[in-house]
């Protein structure tokens, strides 16, 4: 996977925490620590969006729709 170099501004206390993790060899570099944190945050946001969208669904309607499709398919399947 190709990588792009960027410049960021970060609060000193956060940077100190990142440096501590690098010193403890949790991450091999600041870049790796920041990349992991950003990736984790994006995954959480995307998961939260999926949950919000799923909450909008009507379970009874979805079940009826699924069962309607199955009953139609059963009519079309040949008997063995």
PDB file of N, CA and C in Angstrom:
ATOM      1  N   UNK A   1       0.847  -1.169   0.000  1.00  0.00           N
ATOM      2  CA  UNK A   1       0.000   0.000   0.000  1.00  0.00           C
ATOM      3  C   UNK A   1       0.896   1.237   0.000  1.00  0.00           C
ATOM      4  N   UNK A   2       0.611   2.178  -0.882  1.00  0.00           N
ATOM      5  CA  UNK A   2       1.418   3.390  -0.929  1.00  0.00           C
ATOM      6  C   UNK A   2       1.025   4.322   0.213  1.00  0.00           C
ATOM      7  N   UNK A   3       1.964   5.120   0.618  1.00  0.00           N
ATOM      8  CA  UNK A   3       1.731   6.044   1.728  1.00  0.00           C
ATOM      9  C   UNK A   3       1.985   7.465   1.248  1.00  0.00           C
ATOM     10  N   UNK A   4       1.296   8.410   1.868  1.00  0.00           N
ATOM     11  CA  UNK A   4       1.486   9.827   1.575  1.00  0.00           C
ATOM     12  C   UNK A   4       2.024  10.504   2.819  1.00  0.00           C
ATOM     13  N   UNK A   5       2.923  11.434   2.621  1.00  0.00           N
ATOM     14  CA  UNK A   5       3.504  12.170   3.735  1.00  0.00           C
ATOM     15  C   UNK A   5       2.672  13.424   3.965  1.00  0.00           C
ATOM     16  N   UNK A   6       2.286  13.662   5.236  1.00  0.00           N
ATOM     17  CA  UNK A   6       1.500  14.842   5.586  1.00  0.00           C
ATOM     18  C   UNK A   6       2.131  15.528   6.790  1.00  0.00           C
ATOM     19  N   UNK A   7       1.752  16.763   7.009  1.00  0.00           N
ATOM     20  CA  UNK A   7       2.183  17.495   8.203  1.00  0.00           C
ATOM     21  C   UNK A   7       0.945  17.757   9.047  1.00  0.00           C
ATOM     22  N   UNK A   8       1.066  17.546  10.364  1.00  0.00           N
ATOM     23  CA  UNK A   8      -0.060  17.801  11.260  1.00  0.00           C
ATOM     24  C   UNK A   8       0.403  18.644  12.437  1.00  0.00           C
ATOM     25  N   UNK A   9      -0.540  19.302  13.059  1.00  0.00           N
ATOM     26  CA  UNK A   9      -0.289  20.026  14.300  1.00  0.00           C
ATOM     27  C   UNK A   9      -0.993  19.249  15.396  1.00  0.00           C
ATOM     28  N   UNK A  10      -0.266  18.990  16.488  1.00  0.00           N
ATOM     29  CA  UNK A  10      -0.824  18.164  17.564  1.00  0.00           C
ATOM     30  C   UNK A  10      -0.437  18.766  18.915  1.00  0.00           C
ATOM     31  N   UNK A  11      -1.336  18.690  19.864  1.00  0.00           N
ATOM     32  CA  UNK A  11      -1.065  19.229  21.201  1.00  0.00           C
ATOM     33  C   UNK A  11       0.122  18.504  21.834  1.00  0.00           C
ATOM     34  N   UNK A  12       0.931  19.258  22.563  1.00  0.00           N
ATOM     35  CA  UNK A  12       2.125  18.700  23.209  1.00  0.00           C
ATOM     36  C   UNK A  12       1.820  17.513  24.133  1.00  0.00           C
ATOM     37  N   UNK A  13       0.771  17.587  24.978  1.00  0.00           N
ATOM     38  CA  UNK A  13       0.500  16.436  25.853  1.00  0.00           C
ATOM     39  C   UNK A  13       0.175  15.153  25.075  1.00  0.00           C
ATOM     40  N   UNK A  14      -0.513  15.296  23.962  1.00  0.00           N
ATOM     41  CA  UNK A  14      -0.818  14.119  23.145  1.00  0.00           C
ATOM     42  C   UNK A  14       0.464  13.581  22.524  1.00  0.00           C
ATOM     43  N   UNK A  15       1.308  14.484  22.036  1.00  0.00           N
ATOM     44  CA  UNK A  15       2.573  14.067  21.448  1.00  0.00           C
ATOM     45  C   UNK A  15       3.448  13.359  22.483  1.00  0.00           C
ATOM     46  N   UNK A  16       3.431  13.845  23.713  1.00  0.00           N
ATOM     47  CA  UNK A  16       4.203  13.195  24.778  1.00  0.00           C
ATOM     48  C   UNK A  16       3.700  11.772  25.017  1.00  0.00           C
ATOM     49  N   UNK A  17       2.390  11.588  24.965  1.00  0.00           N
ATOM     50  CA  UNK A  17       1.825  10.241  25.137  1.00  0.00           C
ATOM     51  C   UNK A  17       2.235   9.330  23.981  1.00  0.00           C
ATOM     52  N   UNK A  18       2.225   9.875  22.772  1.00  0.00           N
ATOM     53  CA  UNK A  18       2.656   9.092  21.608  1.00  0.00           C
ATOM     54  C   UNK A  18       4.125   8.716  21.758  1.00  0.00           C
ATOM     55  N   UNK A  19       4.946   9.678  22.144  1.00  0.00           N
ATOM     56  CA  UNK A  19       6.374   9.411  22.326  1.00  0.00           C
ATOM     57  C   UNK A  19       6.614   8.344  23.393  1.00  0.00           C
ATOM     58  N   UNK A  20       5.798   8.356  24.447  1.00  0.00           N
ATOM     59  CA  UNK A  20       5.915   7.337  25.489  1.00  0.00           C
ATOM     60  C   UNK A  20       5.621   5.946  24.915  1.00  0.00           C
ATOM     61  N   UNK A  21       4.589   5.852  24.086  1.00  0.00           N
ATOM     62  CA  UNK A  21       4.250   4.566  23.465  1.00  0.00           C
ATOM     63  C   UNK A  21       5.367   4.086  22.536  1.00  0.00           C
ATOM     64  N   UNK A  22       5.992   5.020  21.831  1.00  0.00           N
ATOM     65  CA  UNK A  22       7.110   4.659  20.957  1.00  0.00           C
ATOM     66  C   UNK A  22       8.298   4.209  21.806  1.00  0.00           C
ATOM     67  N   UNK A  23       8.576   4.918  22.895  1.00  0.00           N
ATOM     68  CA  UNK A  23       9.683   4.543  23.780  1.00  0.00           C
ATOM     69  C   UNK A  23       9.460   3.172  24.409  1.00  0.00           C
ATOM     70  N   UNK A  24       8.206   2.850  24.703  1.00  0.00           N
ATOM     71  CA  UNK A  24       7.869   1.541  25.279  1.00  0.00           C
ATOM     72  C   UNK A  24       7.759   0.465  24.199  1.00  0.00           C
ATOM     73  N   UNK A  25       8.062   0.835  22.968  1.00  0.00           N
ATOM     74  CA  UNK A  25       8.045  -0.053  21.803  1.00  0.00           C
ATOM     75  C   UNK A  25       6.668  -0.653  21.518  1.00  0.00           C
ATOM     76  N   UNK A  26       5.615   0.083  21.889  1.00  0.00           N
ATOM     77  CA  UNK A  26       4.262  -0.314  21.503  1.00  0.00           C
ATOM     78  C   UNK A  26       4.114  -0.061  20.001  1.00  0.00           C
ATOM     79  N   UNK A  27       4.706   1.036  19.536  1.00  0.00           N
ATOM     80  CA  UNK A  27       4.755   1.377  18.117  1.00  0.00           C
ATOM     81  C   UNK A  27       6.203   1.638  17.749  1.00  0.00           C
ATOM     82  N   UNK A  28       6.526   1.396  16.488  1.00  0.00           N
ATOM     83  CA  UNK A  28       7.916   1.601  16.068  1.00  0.00           C
ATOM     84  C   UNK A  28       8.230   3.068  15.771  1.00  0.00           C
ATOM     85  N   UNK A  29       7.188   3.880  15.552  1.00  0.00           N
ATOM     86  CA  UNK A  29       7.413   5.294  15.244  1.00  0.00           C
ATOM     87  C   UNK A  29       6.164   6.113  15.559  1.00  0.00           C
ATOM     88  N   UNK A  30       6.339   7.411  15.582  1.00  0.00           N
ATOM     89  CA  UNK A  30       5.192   8.310  15.751  1.00  0.00           C
ATOM     90  C   UNK A  30       4.195   8.099  14.615  1.00  0.00           C
ATOM     91  N   UNK A  31       4.729   7.981  13.419  1.00  0.00           N
ATOM     92  CA  UNK A  31       3.850   7.801  12.253  1.00  0.00           C
ATOM     93  C   UNK A  31       2.976   6.570  12.398  1.00  0.00           C
ATOM     94  N   UNK A  32       3.580   5.469  12.839  1.00  0.00           N
ATOM     95  CA  UNK A  32       2.810   4.239  12.998  1.00  0.00           C
ATOM     96  C   UNK A  32       1.736   4.409  14.069  1.00  0.00           C
ATOM     97  N   UNK A  33       2.058   5.078  15.156  1.00  0.00           N
ATOM     98  CA  UNK A  33       1.092   5.295  16.237  1.00  0.00           C
ATOM     99  C   UNK A  33      -0.077   6.160  15.763  1.00  0.00           C
ATOM    100  N   UNK A  34       0.231   7.231  15.067  1.00  0.00           N
ATOM    101  CA  UNK A  34      -0.818   8.135  14.592  1.00  0.00           C
ATOM    102  C   UNK A  34      -1.669   7.450  13.529  1.00  0.00           C
ATOM    103  N   UNK A  35      -1.034   6.713  12.621  1.00  0.00           N
ATOM    104  CA  UNK A  35      -1.787   6.000  11.585  1.00  0.00           C
ATOM    105  C   UNK A  35      -2.748   4.989  12.213  1.00  0.00           C
ATOM    106  N   UNK A  36      -2.286   4.245  13.219  1.00  0.00           N
ATOM    107  CA  UNK A  36      -3.144   3.262  13.889  1.00  0.00           C
ATOM    108  C   UNK A  36      -4.321   3.953  14.581  1.00  0.00           C
ATOM    109  N   UNK A  37      -4.053   5.083  15.223  1.00  0.00           N
ATOM    110  CA  UNK A  37      -5.119   5.808  15.920  1.00  0.00           C
ATOM    111  C   UNK A  37      -6.161   6.350  14.941  1.00  0.00           C
ATOM    112  N   UNK A  38      -5.708   6.895  13.830  1.00  0.00           N
ATOM    113  CA  UNK A  38      -6.634   7.437  12.828  1.00  0.00           C
ATOM    114  C   UNK A  38      -7.459   6.315  12.210  1.00  0.00           C
ATOM    115  N   UNK A  39      -6.810   5.202  11.886  1.00  0.00           N
ATOM    116  CA  UNK A  39      -7.533   4.072  11.298  1.00  0.00           C
ATOM    117  C   UNK A  39      -8.597   3.541  12.259  1.00  0.00           C
ATOM    118  N   UNK A  40      -8.232   3.402  13.537  1.00  0.00           N
ATOM    119  CA  UNK A  40      -9.193   2.913  14.537  1.00  0.00           C
ATOM    120  C   UNK A  40     -10.379   3.872  14.672  1.00  0.00           C
ATOM    121  N   UNK A  41     -10.105   5.158  14.680  1.00  0.00           N
ATOM    122  CA  UNK A  41     -11.181   6.149  14.803  1.00  0.00           C
ATOM    123  C   UNK A  41     -12.120   6.095  13.607  1.00  0.00           C
ATOM    124  N   UNK A  42     -11.566   5.986  12.412  1.00  0.00           N
ATOM    125  CA  UNK A  42     -12.397   5.907  11.206  1.00  0.00           C
ATOM    126  C   UNK A  42     -13.268   4.656  11.242  1.00  0.00           C
ATOM    127  N   UNK A  43     -12.699   3.521  11.654  1.00  0.00           N
ATOM    128  CA  UNK A  43     -13.479   2.282  11.750  1.00  0.00           C
ATOM    129  C   UNK A  43     -14.624   2.433  12.748  1.00  0.00           C
ATOM    130  N   UNK A  44     -14.365   3.081  13.873  1.00  0.00           N
ATOM    131  CA  UNK A  44     -15.425   3.296  14.872  1.00  0.00           C
ATOM    132  C   UNK A  44     -16.534   4.187  14.322  1.00  0.00           C
ATOM    133  N   UNK A  45     -16.144   5.235  13.616  1.00  0.00           N
ATOM    134  CA  UNK A  45     -17.144   6.130  13.028  1.00  0.00           C
ATOM    135  C   UNK A  45     -17.986   5.401  11.991  1.00  0.00           C
ATOM    136  N   UNK A  46     -17.340   4.600  11.159  1.00  0.00           N
ATOM    137  CA  UNK A  46     -18.077   3.848  10.139  1.00  0.00           C
ATOM    138  C   UNK A  46     -18.997   2.821  10.777  1.00  0.00           C
ATOM    139  N   UNK A  47     -18.541   2.167  11.835  1.00  0.00           N
ATOM    140  CA  UNK A  47     -19.371   1.182  12.532  1.00  0.00           C
ATOM    141  C   UNK A  47     -20.572   1.877  13.167  1.00  0.00           C
ATOM    142  N   UNK A  48     -20.349   3.039  13.726  1.00  0.00           N
ATOM    143  CA  UNK A  48     -21.441   3.806  14.323  1.00  0.00           C
ATOM    144  C   UNK A  48     -22.460   4.217  13.280  1.00  0.00           C
ATOM    145  N   UNK A  49     -21.990   4.547  12.103  1.00  0.00           N
ATOM    146  CA  UNK A  49     -22.912   4.927  11.023  1.00  0.00           C
ATOM    147  C   UNK A  49     -23.752   3.732  10.615  1.00  0.00           C
ATOM    148  N   UNK A  50     -23.140   2.565  10.525  1.00  0.00           N
ATOM    149  CA  UNK A  50     -23.887   1.356  10.173  1.00  0.00           C
ATOM    150  C   UNK A  50     -24.965   1.085  11.211  1.00  0.00           C
ATOM    151  N   UNK A  51     -24.629   1.236  12.481  1.00  0.00           N
ATOM    152  CA  UNK A  51     -25.610   1.008  13.544  1.00  0.00           C
ATOM    153  C   UNK A  51     -26.764   2.009  13.449  1.00  0.00           C
ATOM    154  N   UNK A  52     -26.448   3.272  13.154  1.00  0.00           N
ATOM    155  CA  UNK A  52     -27.504   4.286  13.016  1.00  0.00           C
ATOM    156  C   UNK A  52     -28.420   3.972  11.840  1.00  0.00           C
ATOM    157  N   UNK A  53     -27.838   3.548  10.735  1.00  0.00           N
ATOM    158  CA  UNK A  53     -28.648   3.216   9.558  1.00  0.00           C
ATOM    159  C   UNK A  53     -29.500   1.977   9.819  1.00  0.00           C
ATOM    160  N   UNK A  54     -28.947   0.986  10.503  1.00  0.00           N
ATOM    161  CA  UNK A  54     -29.714  -0.224  10.827  1.00  0.00           C
ATOM    162  C   UNK A  54     -30.875   0.100  11.766  1.00  0.00           C
ATOM    163  N   UNK A  55     -30.674   1.059  12.647  1.00  0.00           N
ATOM    164  CA  UNK A  55     -31.733   1.437  13.584  1.00  0.00           C
ATOM    165  C   UNK A  55     -32.934   2.044  12.860  1.00  0.00           C
ATOM    166  N   UNK A  56     -32.714   2.553  11.662  1.00  0.00           N
ATOM    167  CA  UNK A  56     -33.805   3.143  10.886  1.00  0.00           C
ATOM    168  C   UNK A  56     -34.697   2.087  10.241  1.00  0.00           C
ATOM    169  N   UNK A  57     -34.215   0.852  10.168  1.00  0.00           N
ATOM    170  CA  UNK A  57     -34.980  -0.209   9.507  1.00  0.00           C
ATOM    171  C   UNK A  57     -36.135  -0.677  10.375  1.00  0.00           C
ATOM    172  N   UNK A  58     -37.202  -1.084   9.729  1.00  0.00           N
ATOM    173  CA  UNK A  58     -38.363  -1.653  10.414  1.00  0.00           C
ATOM    174  C   UNK A  58     -38.234  -3.173  10.331  1.00  0.00           C
ATOM    175  N   UNK A  59     -37.911  -3.843  11.448  1.00  0.00           N
ATOM    176  CA  UNK A  59     -37.686  -5.290  11.418  1.00  0.00           C
ATOM    177  C   UNK A  59     -38.864  -6.081  10.851  1.00  0.00           C
ATOM    178  N   UNK A  60     -40.090  -5.701  11.188  1.00  0.00           N
ATOM    179  CA  UNK A  60     -41.263  -6.428  10.696  1.00  0.00           C
ATOM    180  C   UNK A  60     -41.368  -6.296   9.176  1.00  0.00           C
ATOM    181  N   UNK A  61     -41.136  -5.097   8.667  1.00  0.00           N
ATOM    182  CA  UNK A  61     -41.193  -4.886   7.219  1.00  0.00           C
ATOM    183  C   UNK A  61     -40.093  -5.671   6.510  1.00  0.00           C
ATOM    184  N   UNK A  62     -38.878  -5.623   7.057  1.00  0.00           N
ATOM    185  CA  UNK A  62     -37.755  -6.334   6.443  1.00  0.00           C
ATOM    186  C   UNK A  62     -37.999  -7.837   6.429  1.00  0.00           C
ATOM    187  N   UNK A  63     -38.553  -8.375   7.521  1.00  0.00           N
ATOM    188  CA  UNK A  63     -38.848  -9.803   7.597  1.00  0.00           C
ATOM    189  C   UNK A  63     -39.912 -10.176   6.569  1.00  0.00           C
ATOM    190  N   UNK A  64     -40.962  -9.371   6.473  1.00  0.00           N
ATOM    191  CA  UNK A  64     -42.028  -9.640   5.503  1.00  0.00           C
ATOM    192  C   UNK A  64     -41.481  -9.588   4.079  1.00  0.00           C
ATOM    193  N   UNK A  65     -40.621  -8.637   3.816  1.00  0.00           N
ATOM    194  CA  UNK A  65     -40.025  -8.511   2.492  1.00  0.00           C
ATOM    195  C   UNK A  65     -39.171  -9.732   2.164  1.00  0.00           C
ATOM    196  N   UNK A  66     -38.393 -10.194   3.127  1.00  0.00           N
ATOM    197  CA  UNK A  66     -37.550 -11.374   2.917  1.00  0.00           C
ATOM    198  C   UNK A  66     -38.393 -12.618   2.698  1.00  0.00           C
ATOM    199  N   UNK A  67     -39.437 -12.775   3.493  1.00  0.00           N
ATOM    200  CA  UNK A  67     -40.294 -13.954   3.359  1.00  0.00           C
ATOM    201  C   UNK A  67     -41.058 -13.929   2.044  1.00  0.00           C
ATOM    202  N   UNK A  68     -41.428 -12.752   1.585  1.00  0.00           N
ATOM    203  CA  UNK A  68     -42.115 -12.635   0.298  1.00  0.00           C
ATOM    204  C   UNK A  68     -41.208 -13.126  -0.824  1.00  0.00           C
ATOM    205  N   UNK A  69     -39.956 -12.740  -0.767  1.00  0.00           N
ATOM    206  CA  UNK A  69     -39.003 -13.175  -1.783  1.00  0.00           C
ATOM    207  C   UNK A  69     -38.794 -14.672  -1.760  1.00  0.00           C
ATOM    208  N   UNK A  70     -38.727 -15.264  -0.579  1.00  0.00           N
ATOM    209  CA  UNK A  70     -38.525 -16.706  -0.449  1.00  0.00           C
ATOM    210  C   UNK A  70     -39.725 -17.460  -0.990  1.00  0.00           C
ATOM    211  N   UNK A  71     -40.935 -17.019  -0.675  1.00  0.00           N
ATOM    212  CA  UNK A  71     -42.118 -17.741  -1.149  1.00  0.00           C
ATOM    213  C   UNK A  71     -42.216 -17.668  -2.670  1.00  0.00           C
ATOM    214  N   UNK A  72     -41.825 -16.553  -3.250  1.00  0.00           N
ATOM    215  CA  UNK A  72     -41.812 -16.450  -4.714  1.00  0.00           C
ATOM    216  C   UNK A  72     -40.809 -17.423  -5.309  1.00  0.00           C
ATOM    217  N   UNK A  73     -39.631 -17.497  -4.700  1.00  0.00           N
ATOM    218  CA  UNK A  73     -38.597 -18.398  -5.196  1.00  0.00           C
ATOM    219  C   UNK A  73     -39.029 -19.848  -5.078  1.00  0.00           C
ATOM    220  N   UNK A  74     -39.708 -20.206  -4.006  1.00  0.00           N
ATOM    221  CA  UNK A  74     -40.148 -21.584  -3.822  1.00  0.00           C
ATOM    222  C   UNK A  74     -41.127 -21.998  -4.910  1.00  0.00           C
ATOM    223  N   UNK A  75     -41.962 -21.074  -5.360  1.00  0.00           N
ATOM    224  CA  UNK A  75     -42.906 -21.374  -6.435  1.00  0.00           C
ATOM    225  C   UNK A  75     -42.182 -21.672  -7.745  1.00  0.00           C
ATOM    226  N   UNK A  76     -41.020 -21.061  -7.927  1.00  0.00           N
ATOM    227  CA  UNK A  76     -40.284 -21.214  -9.177  1.00  0.00           C
ATOM    228  C   UNK A  76     -39.344 -22.412  -9.174  1.00  0.00           C
ATOM    229  N   UNK A  77     -38.993 -22.955  -8.016  1.00  0.00           N
ATOM    230  CA  UNK A  77     -38.050 -24.062  -7.948  1.00  0.00           C
ATOM    231  C   UNK A  77     -38.713 -25.348  -8.432  1.00  0.00           C
ATOM    232  N   UNK A  78     -37.988 -26.138  -9.201  1.00  0.00           N
ATOM    233  CA  UNK A  78     -38.561 -27.414  -9.658  1.00  0.00           C
ATOM    234  C   UNK A  78     -38.620 -28.421  -8.512  1.00  0.00           C
ATOM    235  N   UNK A  79     -39.567 -29.330  -8.582  1.00  0.00           N
ATOM    236  CA  UNK A  79     -39.658 -30.385  -7.574  1.00  0.00           C
ATOM    237  C   UNK A  79     -38.653 -31.467  -7.911  1.00  0.00           C
ATOM    238  N   UNK A  80     -38.158 -32.141  -6.901  1.00  0.00           N
ATOM    239  CA  UNK A  80     -37.176 -33.213  -7.113  1.00  0.00           C
ATOM    240  C   UNK A  80     -37.840 -34.547  -7.081  1.00  0.00           C
TER     241      UNK A  80
END
